[in-house]
Structure formats: structure tokens, C-alpha cells
Amino acid sequence: MSPAEPGRFFCTAGRGMEPFLAREVRERLGATEVDCVSGKVFFRAAAGPGELRRLRSGERLFLLLRRRGPLPVSGSRGKMLHEIKSFVIEEPKYWLDIISVWRKLHGHKGKTDDVSQENTLALKRKSEEETNTASKRQKTEQVRAVVSELCQVEAGETCVALERMSSEECWTESKTSSEFSSKGSGEDPAANEQLGFSFRVSCRCSGAIAKILTSQEIGRAIGVTLVKQCGWRADLRDPDLEIFVHLNDIQTVVGIPLFRLPLANREYIKTAGLRSTVAWAMASLAEISAGALVLDPMCGLGTILLEAAKEWPEACYWGADISDSQLEGADENTRTAGLMDKIELLKASAKALPLPSESFDSVISDIPFGKKFKTTNDAQLLPDILQEMERVLRVGGTLVLLLSRELRRRVDGLTGCAAGDCAEASADGDPGAAPAPALSGDGNSSSVAQGNGESLLSSHFGSLVPEGVFAVSLGKTDAFIHKYRKVSAPGLREPES
């Protein structure tokens, strides 16, 4: 793929992070054909591995092989497996083109043409009629051995041995093995080994199709097809290539991971705190510019400061925390990231910061919540913290907070909101825009029911005006990113128009 030739990609994202990722691929990569669905963002971009690796709001990045709506569900397991295999291997030449792109992105330019030519010959070989029953049985057993190796085990799942398969499954695998043995009867195993190309199939299956077939069964069927069609070797431990297949009630997607480690794994963070993607998203809302002063008054391990300083290195960053152990971890992370000259740490309570009033351009903070913290038990703690944040923030500056659902109710007084309300964002997925209809989990707009009660910030901190709310997932916990702007000095309200 030349620099001017765009490729098709998709990137997985945590729930609620899709709008941030969509905006990032547009701005950072100049991406086109950007399409958001729950948990994924699809796009086209002309970018190399270095540019793609710099994406900060996504989880795992893939070259897109195939995409379509949900596969039809029928009562016949064999028919469904055939449908899945046909979809995945429907266009062999396109597979070869994508593999070539993948190899070029990984710097394997010298071998690309040879591999493509060799695989093309394998793909073009016509099936030969099998006449010897004993030969058929022998070839079937060989493929069964490959099938056993191909069994991709998902986290928490166990491999289903071939001997335990139902009679229908055995019939399907036997038929598949015979077909592929027939196609491969003229192959030279030594030639395939010389290709040195190994793979594994990772399959995730949910919804209606998961009630008929398991992820392991689908992965085995696709694996056998690729072994016989392309002559690749199965290797679960250290493959050259991973094939990712995701089937659910919304869509069917096939892709190739570009990098072994998720994008969210930051090499410059020694001890992880807040999820790095969420920390980056918060920093992206803070409108950090060159020369700006940025504060995290409850910095913990410093993840927000690290993400901000890596992305906007021309600003200056301060972090405060009351905990010695947290500050030690933040200092260690800062040294690992090589940002000692960018980030200043101090021990201080967020309720009484030893900092001048109106001295910071942005304040960003993950206000602690959960069983480990007692924030919600102290009625005066939140007002005290917010008062200090308002005090040190200059007029025109931005305040970005990460809140739990309970803290959100207390801070913004949204007592009338339904428990399932989602993030406010613009309809085009731009989190930097003014609040608009919320984006629900499936990417469709839904209205947000506003509470009638006056918010804590409105009644006590009239200088802070809300500019957006974004729901994000922290694993099993829901959280909300709130953005505010300070429009006047404390105690002074803007005149109503």
C-alpha cells in the first residue's frame, strides 16, 4: 500500500468512547468513510503503522477484511457453517490483497510478491475427484489434527474435543475435511512449510447465532478452510497472523489485528491507574494549548497528566494528591515516561490547594468513587473540592470531571434522568461540539431527560457553565465525563440574555 493509497480499518473502543475515536481518526489521520457502531469505529485512511499506533482513544486496531449485516440463522448447523465459511473466504484475491497490505505495513516487502504468487497458485488449483476411500480417510484424519490445533480458546472457555462433538458436527467436519483434502491433493507440504506463514483464528460470537454454534466451532471451520485454501500453518502460541471474526445480531466483521498489543497499552505507564483511553478523552476536552497551565488536583497515579503531557507537550502540568503512595506511583510513572520536566507533583488536599486563584487554564480530575473511596459519604466534600477547582481556574478556562452515576446526580442534580441515559454529544460523533441528543449504545440518537432540580454547580458555583456530558464505561462501572467552562469570577453570574 503506497502512502497515497488508503486502507480500510476498524478500531474497537470502550463503550461511550466511539465519538472520541471517530473525531480522533478524522483529525489525526484525515480518515474518511467514518462509521460508528457500538464498540467499533470503521474508517478509511492513508496512514502508516507509526501514525496508526498513535491513536489514543481506541483499544485494538484491525485491517478490515469483510463486513456485512448479521448472517442468517437457521436450524441447520452445517448450513450455517457453510454460510460463514463462504462469507469469510468469498473473495480469495481480496484476501491476498489484504495480506499484502498487512505485510507491507509490517515491513515484509521483500516476501510479499512471492507469497502472493504461491498462494494464488494454491487458490487456483481445481478440486480432483477422490477415488480411494482409504486415502480419503487418511486425509480426513490429517485435517482433523489440524482442526484440533486450530481450536482457539477464548478467555474462560474450554476447548471442545472432536470426540465430544455431536453426530451433526462430526458429519459437517468430515464433509469439510473431504472437500479440502480433495482440493489440496496436489499440494506439496514442503512448499507450504517454506512459506513460513502461520495463523490462528479468534472468534467472538453472541446473539442468536451463539445459540446454534459456539465460537470454537466457527473458528475451527474457518481455520480448516484457510489451511486448505491458502496453505498456511496453524499456530496458537506465536502466529504471524491472527484472524479476528466477530458475529452478532448487528453485523459480521472479519479483520486482522495490526499490532499484537492493544493501543490502550501505553509503554510509558509503569503502574496503570485510570483507563488510558478515558484519561486521554478527558484531556482532549480540556482545550490544552501551548503554554497553558493544567492542574489535576486529585491526580492519583497521574494517568491524566501523562496522557495530556504526551499529546500536548508544550503545556505545563501540575498534579496534587493527599496520598503519599499515590504520589510515589505518579512520580515513578512520570520518570518512566520521561516527563519530569513537564509535570510537577505536590502533596496537598483538594479541599485546600496551596495555589494562587485563577492561575490555571484547565483543571482535569477523576474524582475518586467506588467502595475504596468514601467520597459520597461526606456531604461537604464535593462542594469543598469544586470550590477549590473553581477558585484556581481562570475565567474562560475549562473544567473536566469524571464522575460516577451517584456523583453525577449530586453534582448536576439530574434526579429526573433515567438510569440508562447516555452521553450527550453531537449527532456527527464530535465530542467537542455543544451538547446535542445523546448517543445510545447502538449509535442512534436518544433524548436525555433533564431534571427539574437546580444543580449543585448552578446554585453554588454560578461561574461554571456546563458544555457537555459523555457516558463512558470503566469495565463493570458506568462513569460520566462532564465539561464546564468558567465564564465569570466566583460569585458573579453572567447576565441573562
Protein backbone atom coordinates (compact mmCIF):
# COMPACT_ATOMS: atom_id res chain seq x y z
CA MET A 1 0.00 0.00 0.00
CA SER A 2 1.59 3.26 -1.09
CA PRO A 3 1.32 6.33 1.18
CA ALA A 4 -1.36 7.76 -1.13
CA GLU A 5 -3.43 4.57 -1.15
CA PRO A 6 -5.97 4.47 1.70
CA GLY A 7 -6.68 1.26 3.55
CA ARG A 8 -9.85 0.11 5.29
CA PHE A 9 -9.60 -0.26 9.05
CA PHE A 10 -11.69 -0.62 12.15
CA CYS A 11 -10.81 0.02 15.76
CA THR A 12 -12.55 -1.30 18.83
CA ALA A 13 -13.47 1.16 21.57
CA GLY A 14 -14.81 1.08 25.09
CA ARG A 15 -18.49 1.83 25.43
CA GLY A 16 -19.02 5.56 25.09
CA MET A 17 -15.58 6.16 23.55
CA GLU A 18 -16.78 5.82 19.94
CA PRO A 19 -17.40 9.58 19.41
CA PHE A 20 -13.92 10.41 20.71
CA LEU A 21 -12.34 7.80 18.45
CA ALA A 22 -14.34 8.98 15.42
CA ARG A 23 -13.15 12.53 15.95
CA GLU A 24 -9.57 11.39 16.51
CA VAL A 25 -9.26 9.35 13.30
CA ARG A 26 -10.65 12.30 11.34
CA GLU A 27 -8.29 14.82 12.89
CA ARG A 28 -5.17 12.69 13.30
CA LEU A 29 -5.39 10.51 10.18
CA GLY A 30 -7.60 12.54 7.86
CA ALA A 31 -9.88 9.49 7.77
CA THR A 32 -12.91 9.25 5.51
CA GLU A 33 -15.95 6.95 5.45
CA VAL A 34 -16.01 7.07 9.26
CA ASP A 35 -18.82 4.92 10.65
CA CYS A 36 -19.55 4.32 14.33
CA VAL A 37 -21.32 1.28 15.74
CA SER A 38 -21.42 0.04 19.29
CA GLY A 39 -17.86 -0.81 20.29
CA LYS A 40 -16.26 -0.15 16.89
CA VAL A 41 -15.34 2.67 14.52
CA PHE A 42 -14.80 1.87 10.83
CA PHE A 43 -12.81 4.22 8.60
CA ARG A 44 -10.60 4.56 5.54
CA ALA A 45 -7.21 6.26 5.82
CA ALA A 46 -3.85 6.50 4.07
CA ALA A 47 -1.60 6.01 7.09
CA GLY A 48 1.44 4.01 8.09
CA PRO A 49 1.97 1.93 11.25
CA GLY A 50 3.55 4.86 13.11
CA GLU A 51 0.55 7.12 12.55
CA LEU A 52 -1.94 4.36 13.32
CA ARG A 53 -0.17 3.40 16.53
CA ARG A 54 -0.55 6.95 17.83
CA LEU A 55 -4.33 6.59 18.14
CA ARG A 56 -5.12 7.21 21.80
CA SER A 57 -8.85 6.63 22.24
CA GLY A 58 -9.11 3.14 20.70
CA GLU A 59 -8.42 -0.34 22.02
CA ARG A 60 -7.39 -2.71 19.19
CA LEU A 61 -6.80 -1.73 15.57
CA PHE A 62 -7.62 -4.04 12.64
CA LEU A 63 -7.31 -4.17 8.89
CA LEU A 64 -10.86 -4.73 7.70
CA LEU A 65 -11.30 -7.91 5.63
CA ARG A 66 -15.04 -8.36 5.44
CA ARG A 67 -18.11 -6.62 6.84
CA ARG A 68 -21.80 -7.23 6.42
CA GLY A 69 -25.04 -7.39 8.36
CA PRO A 70 -25.93 -10.33 10.60
CA LEU A 71 -25.68 -13.74 8.99
CA PRO A 72 -28.97 -15.62 8.55
CA VAL A 73 -29.74 -18.03 11.38
CA SER A 74 -31.21 -21.40 10.51
CA GLY A 75 -31.78 -24.69 12.29
CA SER A 76 -29.10 -26.47 10.25
CA ARG A 77 -25.69 -26.20 11.85
CA GLY A 78 -23.98 -27.48 8.73
CA LYS A 79 -25.71 -24.92 6.54
CA MET A 80 -24.77 -22.10 8.89
CA LEU A 81 -21.13 -23.17 8.99
CA HIS A 82 -21.11 -23.29 5.21
CA GLU A 83 -22.60 -19.79 5.09
CA ILE A 84 -19.94 -18.47 7.46
CA LYS A 85 -17.07 -20.07 5.57
CA SER A 86 -18.41 -18.81 2.24
CA PHE A 87 -18.65 -15.28 3.61
CA VAL A 88 -15.15 -15.28 5.07
CA ILE A 89 -13.40 -16.81 2.01
CA GLU A 90 -15.77 -15.44 -0.63
CA GLU A 91 -13.15 -13.35 -2.45
CA PRO A 92 -9.73 -15.11 -2.30
CA LYS A 93 -7.99 -12.40 -4.30
CA TYR A 94 -9.17 -9.76 -1.88
CA TRP A 95 -7.70 -11.85 0.92
CA LEU A 96 -4.35 -11.86 -0.84
CA ASP A 97 -4.52 -8.10 -1.37
CA ILE A 98 -5.23 -7.52 2.32
CA ILE A 99 -2.41 -9.86 3.34
CA SER A 100 -0.09 -7.89 1.08
CA VAL A 101 -1.18 -4.66 2.77
CA TRP A 102 -0.63 -6.25 6.18
CA ARG A 103 2.85 -7.45 5.24
CA LYS A 104 3.81 -4.04 3.84
CA LEU A 105 2.60 -2.32 6.99
CA HIS A 106 4.85 -4.68 8.93
CA GLY A 107 7.82 -4.15 6.63
CA HIS A 108 7.78 -7.56 4.86
CA LYS A 109 8.02 -6.02 1.40
CA GLY A 110 10.59 -8.45 0.10
CA LYS A 111 8.45 -11.55 0.60
CA THR A 112 5.06 -10.14 -0.34
CA ASP A 113 5.13 -10.89 -4.06
CA ASP A 114 6.49 -14.41 -3.61
CA VAL A 115 3.87 -15.29 -1.01
CA SER A 116 1.07 -13.81 -3.11
CA GLN A 117 2.15 -15.78 -6.18
CA GLU A 118 2.50 -19.02 -4.23
CA ASN A 119 -0.89 -18.57 -2.56
CA THR A 120 -2.50 -17.62 -5.87
CA LEU A 121 -1.39 -20.93 -7.36
CA ALA A 122 -2.84 -22.78 -4.37
CA LEU A 123 -6.12 -20.90 -4.67
CA LYS A 124 -6.42 -21.65 -8.40
CA ARG A 125 -5.89 -25.40 -8.11
CA LYS A 126 -9.07 -27.21 -9.08
CA SER A 127 -10.56 -29.98 -6.99
CA GLU A 128 -9.72 -33.54 -8.06
CA GLU A 129 -12.14 -36.42 -7.65
CA GLU A 130 -11.17 -38.74 -4.80
CA THR A 131 -11.47 -42.41 -5.71
CA ASN A 132 -9.65 -44.18 -2.93
CA THR A 133 -11.72 -44.46 0.26
CA ALA A 134 -8.69 -45.28 2.40
CA SER A 135 -6.89 -42.21 1.07
CA LYS A 136 -9.94 -40.10 1.91
CA ARG A 137 -9.99 -41.38 5.46
CA GLN A 138 -6.27 -40.75 5.91
CA LYS A 139 -6.53 -37.18 4.63
CA THR A 140 -9.56 -36.57 6.82
CA GLU A 141 -7.60 -37.60 9.90
CA GLN A 142 -4.76 -35.28 8.93
CA VAL A 143 -7.14 -32.35 8.67
CA ARG A 144 -8.76 -33.34 11.97
CA ALA A 145 -5.34 -33.00 13.59
CA VAL A 146 -5.06 -29.51 12.16
CA VAL A 147 -8.59 -28.74 13.37
CA SER A 148 -7.61 -29.75 16.89
CA GLU A 149 -4.65 -27.37 16.80
CA LEU A 150 -6.81 -24.60 15.39
CA CYS A 151 -9.23 -24.72 18.28
CA GLN A 152 -8.98 -21.17 19.55
CA VAL A 153 -9.88 -21.00 23.23
CA GLU A 154 -11.42 -17.73 24.40
CA ALA A 155 -10.83 -16.45 27.94
CA GLY A 156 -12.67 -18.57 30.45
CA GLU A 157 -13.72 -21.15 27.84
CA THR A 158 -12.51 -24.71 27.32
CA CYS A 159 -11.72 -26.45 24.08
CA VAL A 160 -14.36 -28.87 22.88
CA ALA A 161 -12.61 -32.08 21.85
CA LEU A 162 -13.54 -33.56 18.49
CA GLU A 163 -14.58 -36.82 20.12
CA ARG A 164 -17.28 -34.95 22.08
CA MET A 165 -18.82 -33.32 19.04
CA SER A 166 -22.40 -34.25 18.23
CA SER A 167 -23.13 -36.52 15.24
CA GLU A 168 -24.17 -33.50 13.19
CA GLU A 169 -20.91 -31.70 13.96
CA CYS A 170 -18.91 -34.80 13.04
CA TRP A 171 -20.77 -35.03 9.73
CA THR A 172 -20.07 -31.40 8.99
CA GLU A 173 -16.37 -31.64 9.81
CA SER A 174 -15.99 -34.90 7.90
CA LYS A 175 -17.62 -33.38 4.82
CA THR A 176 -15.47 -30.27 5.12
CA SER A 177 -12.31 -32.33 5.53
CA SER A 178 -13.07 -34.40 2.44
CA GLU A 179 -13.74 -31.32 0.35
CA PHE A 180 -10.49 -29.62 1.39
CA SER A 181 -8.46 -32.81 1.14
CA SER A 182 -9.69 -33.10 -2.42
CA LYS A 183 -8.65 -29.53 -3.21
CA GLY A 184 -5.25 -29.97 -1.66
CA SER A 185 -4.31 -33.37 -3.05
CA GLY A 186 -1.77 -31.85 -5.41
CA GLU A 187 -0.08 -29.66 -2.81
CA ASP A 188 3.49 -30.06 -1.74
CA PRO A 189 3.64 -29.85 2.07
CA ALA A 190 7.29 -28.82 1.93
CA ALA A 191 6.38 -25.85 -0.24
CA ASN A 192 3.78 -24.73 2.30
CA GLU A 193 6.32 -25.00 5.11
CA GLN A 194 8.72 -22.85 3.11
CA LEU A 195 6.12 -20.11 3.08
CA GLY A 196 6.59 -19.90 6.83
CA PHE A 197 3.19 -18.24 7.23
CA SER A 198 1.33 -19.18 10.40
CA PHE A 199 -2.03 -18.05 11.74
CA ARG A 200 -4.76 -18.54 14.30
CA VAL A 201 -8.46 -17.68 14.34
CA SER A 202 -10.01 -15.72 17.21
CA CYS A 203 -13.79 -15.86 17.07
CA ARG A 204 -16.30 -13.97 19.19
CA CYS A 205 -19.91 -15.00 18.81
CA SER A 206 -23.01 -13.58 20.52
CA GLY A 207 -26.73 -13.19 19.97
CA ALA A 208 -28.95 -15.60 18.04
CA ILE A 209 -26.10 -17.31 16.21
CA ALA A 210 -24.39 -18.18 19.51
CA LYS A 211 -27.42 -20.30 20.43
CA ILE A 212 -26.70 -22.56 17.44
CA LEU A 213 -22.90 -22.54 17.12
CA THR A 214 -20.04 -21.91 19.53
CA SER A 215 -17.06 -19.65 18.89
CA GLN A 216 -14.78 -22.71 18.84
CA GLU A 217 -16.83 -24.47 16.17
CA ILE A 218 -16.85 -21.41 13.94
CA GLY A 219 -13.13 -20.82 14.48
CA ARG A 220 -12.31 -24.43 13.58
CA ALA A 221 -14.37 -24.30 10.39
CA ILE A 222 -12.72 -21.08 9.22
CA GLY A 223 -9.28 -22.38 10.21
CA VAL A 224 -9.62 -25.59 8.20
CA THR A 225 -10.76 -23.57 5.19
CA LEU A 226 -7.73 -21.28 5.37
CA VAL A 227 -5.33 -24.21 5.83
CA LYS A 228 -6.60 -25.92 2.68
CA GLN A 229 -7.23 -22.80 0.58
CA CYS A 230 -4.08 -20.85 1.38
CA GLY A 231 -1.65 -23.45 2.65
CA TRP A 232 -0.99 -21.60 5.89
CA ARG A 233 0.10 -23.28 9.14
CA ALA A 234 -1.89 -23.17 12.36
CA ASP A 235 -0.02 -21.78 15.37
CA LEU A 236 -1.91 -20.79 18.51
CA ARG A 237 1.10 -19.68 20.52
CA ASP A 238 3.05 -17.33 18.26
CA PRO A 239 1.35 -16.90 14.85
CA ASP A 240 2.45 -14.49 12.15
CA LEU A 241 -1.17 -13.54 11.62
CA GLU A 242 -4.37 -13.50 13.65
CA ILE A 243 -7.78 -13.63 12.00
CA PHE A 244 -10.46 -11.92 14.11
CA VAL A 245 -14.10 -12.89 13.47
CA HIS A 246 -16.99 -11.22 15.32
CA LEU A 247 -20.58 -12.34 14.74
CA ASN A 248 -23.63 -10.90 16.50
CA ASP A 249 -27.18 -9.75 15.81
CA ILE A 250 -25.99 -6.41 14.39
CA GLN A 251 -23.18 -7.31 12.00
CA THR A 252 -20.49 -9.74 10.93
CA VAL A 253 -16.90 -8.49 10.84
CA VAL A 254 -13.61 -10.12 9.84
CA GLY A 255 -10.31 -8.35 10.42
CA ILE A 256 -6.58 -8.71 11.03
CA PRO A 257 -5.05 -7.03 14.12
CA LEU A 258 -2.26 -4.68 13.10
CA PHE A 259 -0.47 -4.83 16.43
CA ARG A 260 -0.12 -7.64 18.95
CA LEU A 261 -0.71 -5.37 21.93
CA PRO A 262 -3.80 -3.16 22.25
CA LEU A 263 -3.36 0.54 21.54
CA ALA A 264 -4.56 1.20 25.09
CA ASN A 265 -1.41 -0.48 26.49
CA ARG A 266 0.90 2.50 26.99
CA GLU A 267 4.57 1.62 27.18
CA TYR A 268 5.26 4.83 29.10
CA ILE A 269 2.92 3.97 32.01
CA LYS A 270 4.58 1.69 34.56
CA THR A 271 1.67 1.45 37.03
CA ALA A 272 -1.79 1.76 35.49
CA GLY A 273 -4.49 3.81 37.15
CA LEU A 274 -7.46 5.22 35.25
CA ARG A 275 -8.01 3.62 31.84
CA SER A 276 -5.60 5.42 29.49
CA THR A 277 -8.19 5.90 26.75
CA VAL A 278 -10.62 7.61 29.14
CA ALA A 279 -7.81 9.77 30.54
CA TRP A 280 -6.90 10.87 27.02
CA ALA A 281 -10.54 11.62 26.20
CA MET A 282 -10.80 13.84 29.28
CA ALA A 283 -7.63 15.70 28.31
CA SER A 284 -8.90 16.15 24.74
CA LEU A 285 -11.90 18.06 26.09
CA ALA A 286 -9.76 20.45 28.14
CA GLU A 287 -8.66 22.55 25.13
CA ILE A 288 -4.98 22.45 26.11
CA SER A 289 -2.82 24.89 24.15
CA ALA A 290 0.89 25.77 24.08
CA GLY A 291 1.99 27.47 27.28
CA ALA A 292 -1.17 26.52 29.18
CA LEU A 293 -1.11 25.59 32.86
CA VAL A 294 -3.05 22.39 33.58
CA LEU A 295 -3.94 21.00 37.02
CA ASP A 296 -5.18 17.65 38.28
CA PRO A 297 -5.95 18.30 41.99
CA MET A 298 -6.62 14.61 42.71
CA CYS A 299 -4.03 13.10 40.37
CA GLY A 300 -3.62 9.62 41.89
CA LEU A 301 -1.07 7.77 39.75
CA GLY A 302 -1.00 10.64 37.27
CA THR A 303 -2.57 8.93 34.27
CA ILE A 304 -4.49 12.00 33.11
CA LEU A 305 -1.36 14.16 33.36
CA LEU A 306 0.71 11.58 31.46
CA GLU A 307 -1.81 11.31 28.64
CA ALA A 308 -2.11 15.09 28.38
CA ALA A 309 1.63 15.75 28.52
CA LYS A 310 2.38 13.14 25.86
CA GLU A 311 -0.22 14.62 23.49
CA TRP A 312 0.26 18.33 24.28
CA PRO A 313 3.91 18.61 25.41
CA GLU A 314 4.09 22.42 25.10
CA ALA A 315 1.89 22.94 28.16
CA CYS A 316 2.90 22.75 31.84
CA TYR A 317 1.22 20.28 34.22
CA TRP A 318 0.67 20.16 37.97
CA GLY A 319 -0.65 17.24 39.99
CA ALA A 320 -1.72 17.18 43.64
CA ASP A 321 -2.79 14.35 45.92
CA ILE A 322 -3.14 13.78 49.64
CA SER A 323 -1.80 10.20 49.48
CA ASP A 324 1.96 9.57 49.70
CA SER A 325 1.66 6.17 48.00
CA GLN A 326 -0.29 7.64 45.08
CA LEU A 327 2.24 10.43 44.65
CA GLU A 328 5.08 7.89 44.70
CA GLY A 329 3.34 5.96 41.94
CA ALA A 330 2.73 9.14 39.96
CA ASP A 331 6.39 10.14 40.32
CA GLU A 332 7.52 6.70 39.13
CA ASN A 333 5.17 6.91 36.12
CA THR A 334 6.41 10.42 35.33
CA ARG A 335 10.03 9.24 35.38
CA THR A 336 9.24 6.19 33.24
CA ALA A 337 7.56 8.45 30.69
CA GLY A 338 10.46 10.89 30.73
CA LEU A 339 8.19 13.81 31.66
CA MET A 340 9.88 15.07 34.82
CA ASP A 341 10.38 18.49 33.19
CA LYS A 342 6.68 18.70 32.23
CA ILE A 343 4.86 17.51 35.35
CA GLU A 344 5.17 18.98 38.85
CA LEU A 345 3.78 16.95 41.76
CA LEU A 346 2.87 18.19 45.22
CA LYS A 347 1.20 16.79 48.32
CA ALA A 348 -1.96 18.73 49.08
CA SER A 349 -5.63 18.28 49.86
CA ALA A 350 -8.03 19.05 47.03
CA LYS A 351 -10.09 20.98 49.59
CA ALA A 352 -7.25 23.43 50.30
CA LEU A 353 -4.85 23.77 47.38
CA PRO A 354 -1.72 25.89 48.06
CA LEU A 355 -2.07 27.52 44.65
CA PRO A 356 -2.97 31.07 43.52
CA SER A 357 -6.53 31.87 42.44
CA GLU A 358 -7.28 31.93 38.72
CA SER A 359 -3.85 30.53 37.86
CA PHE A 360 -4.74 27.51 35.69
CA ASP A 361 -6.14 27.35 32.17
CA SER A 362 -7.57 23.85 32.62
CA VAL A 363 -8.48 21.64 35.56
CA ILE A 364 -8.99 17.93 34.88
CA SER A 365 -9.85 15.43 37.58
CA ASP A 366 -11.11 11.90 38.16
CA ILE A 367 -12.97 12.41 41.44
CA PRO A 368 -12.48 9.10 43.29
CA PHE A 369 -15.51 6.89 43.74
CA GLY A 370 -16.35 3.28 44.47
CA LYS A 371 -16.01 1.02 47.52
CA LYS A 372 -12.40 2.04 48.09
CA PHE A 373 -13.29 5.72 48.45
CA LYS A 374 -15.80 7.42 50.75
CA THR A 375 -16.44 10.49 48.63
CA THR A 376 -20.20 10.03 48.60
CA ASN A 377 -20.37 9.74 52.41
CA ASP A 378 -19.14 13.27 53.10
CA ALA A 379 -21.85 15.76 52.16
CA GLN A 380 -19.47 18.74 52.29
CA LEU A 381 -16.54 17.11 50.48
CA LEU A 382 -17.81 17.66 46.94
CA PRO A 383 -18.70 21.35 47.44
CA ASP A 384 -15.29 21.97 49.01
CA ILE A 385 -13.46 20.26 46.14
CA LEU A 386 -15.49 22.04 43.48
CA GLN A 387 -14.99 25.38 45.20
CA GLU A 388 -11.21 24.96 45.08
CA MET A 389 -11.30 23.88 41.44
CA GLU A 390 -13.40 26.93 40.58
CA ARG A 391 -11.05 29.18 42.56
CA VAL A 392 -7.81 28.16 40.82
CA LEU A 393 -9.38 28.11 37.33
CA ARG A 394 -9.07 31.31 35.33
CA VAL A 395 -12.08 32.90 33.63
CA GLY A 396 -12.55 31.29 30.23
CA GLY A 397 -10.82 28.09 31.38
CA THR A 398 -12.23 24.56 31.21
CA LEU A 399 -13.07 22.09 33.97
CA VAL A 400 -13.32 18.40 33.06
CA LEU A 401 -14.53 15.89 35.67
CA LEU A 402 -15.02 12.12 35.70
CA LEU A 403 -17.98 11.23 37.92
CA SER A 404 -19.84 8.12 38.97
CA ARG A 405 -23.60 7.97 38.44
CA GLU A 406 -24.18 8.91 42.09
CA LEU A 407 -21.68 11.77 41.98
CA ARG A 408 -23.23 12.94 38.74
CA ARG A 409 -26.63 13.19 40.40
CA ARG A 410 -25.15 15.16 43.27
CA VAL A 411 -23.07 17.47 41.09
CA ASP A 412 -25.57 18.21 38.36
CA GLY A 413 -28.83 17.47 40.15
CA LEU A 414 -30.13 15.24 37.32
CA THR A 415 -32.59 13.47 39.58
CA GLY A 416 -35.06 13.09 36.74
CA CYS A 417 -32.65 11.17 34.48
CA ALA A 418 -33.35 7.56 33.73
CA ALA A 419 -30.71 5.09 34.78
CA GLY A 420 -29.90 4.25 31.19
CA ASP A 421 -29.24 7.79 29.94
CA CYS A 422 -26.20 8.01 27.71
CA ALA A 423 -23.66 10.61 26.71
CA GLU A 424 -24.59 13.96 25.29
CA ALA A 425 -22.73 14.51 22.05
CA SER A 426 -23.31 15.95 18.63
CA ALA A 427 -25.09 13.88 16.03
CA ASP A 428 -21.94 13.52 13.91
CA GLY A 429 -19.98 11.98 16.77
CA ASP A 430 -17.90 15.08 17.58
CA PRO A 431 -17.42 15.28 21.35
CA GLY A 432 -16.01 18.75 21.03
CA ALA A 433 -19.30 20.23 19.91
CA ALA A 434 -22.07 21.68 22.00
CA PRO A 435 -24.43 19.25 23.77
CA ALA A 436 -26.95 17.59 21.48
CA PRO A 437 -29.13 14.47 21.58
CA ALA A 438 -27.45 11.59 23.37
CA LEU A 439 -25.86 8.68 21.57
CA SER A 440 -27.29 5.40 22.76
CA GLY A 441 -25.32 2.18 22.87
CA ASP A 442 -26.21 1.29 19.28
CA GLY A 443 -25.14 4.67 17.92
CA ASN A 444 -28.63 6.08 17.46
CA SER A 445 -29.78 9.38 18.91
CA SER A 446 -31.93 9.41 22.00
CA SER A 447 -33.17 12.29 24.12
CA VAL A 448 -31.90 12.99 27.62
CA ALA A 449 -34.50 13.68 30.29
CA GLN A 450 -33.36 16.73 32.23
CA GLY A 451 -34.10 17.02 35.94
CA ASN A 452 -36.16 19.88 37.29
CA GLY A 453 -33.95 20.48 40.33
CA GLU A 454 -31.27 23.16 40.25
CA SER A 455 -27.79 21.62 40.01
CA LEU A 456 -25.20 21.95 42.73
CA LEU A 457 -22.90 23.79 40.33
CA SER A 458 -25.64 26.14 39.17
CA SER A 459 -26.73 27.05 42.70
CA HIS A 460 -23.32 27.28 44.39
CA PHE A 461 -20.86 27.80 41.52
CA GLY A 462 -22.65 30.02 39.03
CA SER A 463 -19.41 30.84 37.19
CA LEU A 464 -19.19 27.27 35.85
CA VAL A 465 -21.39 26.60 32.81
CA PRO A 466 -21.86 23.01 31.54
CA GLU A 467 -20.72 22.31 27.97
CA GLY A 468 -21.20 18.57 27.61
CA VAL A 469 -21.69 15.20 29.28
CA PHE A 470 -20.32 11.91 27.92
CA ALA A 471 -21.11 8.46 29.33
CA VAL A 472 -18.19 6.02 29.29
CA SER A 473 -17.62 2.53 30.58
CA LEU A 474 -14.98 1.64 33.17
CA GLY A 475 -15.48 -2.09 32.85
CA LYS A 476 -18.32 -3.02 35.19
CA THR A 477 -18.83 0.61 36.23
CA ASP A 478 -20.51 3.42 34.34
CA ALA A 479 -18.99 6.88 34.58
CA PHE A 480 -19.62 10.32 33.10
CA ILE A 481 -17.20 12.90 31.74
CA HIS A 482 -18.51 16.41 32.46
CA LYS A 483 -17.11 19.51 30.81
CA TYR A 484 -17.65 23.03 32.21
CA ARG A 485 -16.37 26.48 31.32
CA LYS A 486 -15.72 29.26 33.80
CA VAL A 487 -17.49 32.32 32.45
CA SER A 488 -17.00 34.78 35.31
CA ALA A 489 -15.25 35.34 38.60
CA PRO A 490 -16.61 33.32 41.58
CA GLY A 491 -19.87 34.66 42.96
CA LEU A 492 -20.71 36.58 39.78
CA ARG A 493 -23.27 35.26 37.34
CA GLU A 494 -23.38 36.10 33.68
CA PRO A 495 -26.34 38.40 32.89
CA GLU A 496 -29.23 36.53 31.36
CA SER A 497 -29.95 37.40 27.75
